[in-house]
Protein backbone atom coordinates (compact mmCIF):
# COMPACT_ATOMS: atom_id res chain seq x y z
CA MET A 1 4.41 19.09 18.66
CA ILE A 2 1.90 16.42 17.31
CA GLU A 3 -0.01 19.22 15.91
CA ALA A 4 3.00 20.68 13.79
CA ALA A 5 4.01 17.33 12.61
CA HIS A 6 0.37 16.73 11.50
CA ARG A 7 0.56 20.16 9.65
CA LEU A 8 4.15 19.38 7.85
CA TYR A 9 2.45 15.81 6.99
CA VAL A 10 -0.49 17.16 5.37
CA ASP A 11 1.46 19.79 3.80
CA ILE A 12 3.67 17.16 2.02
CA VAL A 13 1.03 15.08 1.20
CA THR A 14 -1.12 17.81 -0.50
CA ARG A 15 1.31 19.89 -2.34
CA GLY A 16 1.49 19.91 -5.76
CA VAL A 17 4.98 19.40 -6.63
CA LEU A 18 4.73 15.81 -7.39
CA ASP A 19 1.28 14.30 -9.15
CA ARG A 20 -0.62 12.06 -6.79
CA LYS A 21 0.86 8.64 -8.51
CA ILE A 22 4.53 9.63 -8.04
CA ARG A 23 3.58 10.51 -4.25
CA GLU A 24 2.02 6.89 -3.70
CA LEU A 25 4.91 5.28 -5.56
CA CYS A 26 7.42 7.14 -3.24
CA PHE A 27 4.90 5.99 0.29
CA LEU A 28 4.66 2.50 -0.88
CA ALA A 29 8.60 2.30 -1.36
CA MET A 30 8.82 3.72 2.13
CA ALA A 31 6.55 1.23 3.43
CA LEU A 32 8.26 -1.84 1.66
CA GLN A 33 11.63 -0.27 3.10
CA GLU A 34 10.35 -0.45 6.37
CA GLY A 35 8.72 -3.61 6.23
CA LYS A 36 5.10 -2.04 6.98
CA ALA A 37 2.47 -4.33 5.18
CA GLU A 38 -0.61 -2.82 5.86
CA SER A 39 0.77 0.70 4.96
CA ALA A 40 2.43 -1.43 1.52
CA VAL A 41 -1.15 -2.66 0.87
CA GLU A 42 -2.70 0.83 1.42
CA HIS A 43 -0.10 2.86 -0.85
CA CYS A 44 -0.55 -0.10 -3.33
CA GLN A 45 -4.00 0.70 -3.68
CA LYS A 46 -3.80 4.53 -3.65
CA ALA A 47 -1.10 4.34 -6.57
CA ARG A 48 -3.22 2.23 -8.53
CA VAL A 49 -6.36 4.63 -8.13
CA ALA A 50 -4.06 7.31 -8.83
CA GLY A 51 -3.31 5.57 -12.22
CA SER A 52 -0.02 3.50 -11.50
CA THR A 53 0.26 0.22 -13.69
CA GLU A 54 1.03 -3.03 -11.65
CA ASP A 55 4.24 -3.31 -13.88
CA GLU A 56 5.25 0.46 -12.36
CA ILE A 57 4.30 -0.74 -8.80
CA MET A 58 6.54 -3.91 -9.46
CA GLU A 59 9.42 -1.67 -10.64
CA VAL A 60 9.37 0.24 -7.31
CA ALA A 61 9.34 -2.91 -5.47
CA ALA A 62 11.98 -4.31 -7.32
CA ILE A 63 13.87 -0.82 -6.70
CA VAL A 64 13.56 -1.18 -2.94
CA CYS A 65 14.28 -4.97 -2.86
CA CYS A 66 17.77 -4.29 -4.85
CA GLY A 67 18.53 -1.09 -2.51
CA ALA A 68 17.64 -2.87 0.50
CA GLY A 69 19.27 -6.47 0.30
CA LYS A 70 17.74 -9.83 0.22
CA ARG A 71 16.11 -10.07 3.64
CA SER A 72 14.31 -7.07 2.64
CA ALA A 73 13.60 -8.34 -0.73
CA ALA A 74 11.79 -11.49 0.84
CA ARG A 75 9.70 -9.48 2.94
CA SER A 76 8.93 -7.04 0.22
CA SER A 77 7.79 -10.04 -2.20
CA ILE A 78 5.22 -11.33 0.55
CA MET A 79 3.90 -7.85 0.92
CA MET A 80 3.39 -6.95 -2.83
CA THR A 81 1.67 -10.50 -3.47
CA GLU A 82 -0.52 -9.71 -0.02
CA ALA A 83 -1.30 -6.29 -1.54
CA PHE A 84 -2.10 -7.35 -5.25
CA LYS A 85 -4.53 -10.09 -3.41
CA LYS A 86 -6.53 -6.93 -2.32
CA LEU A 87 -6.70 -5.25 -5.57
């Protein structure tokens, strides 16, 4: 079962329907929504490498914050501050 899940993950990450930049912004949004700071930093960095601007990344964070409420907004703000320190 773990092997099947890994194959599915690899397929999703590597297929070419979305370009790498959009894919990383989606992963960043999920990490922010779930409160996973290390993952948010990782995907923020990968999004930058893939060509995302700081404004695009912050727009994703703003969208997540609006959709998730005040508690998540505060958490996301802290995570994004830390992520940009590491760029």
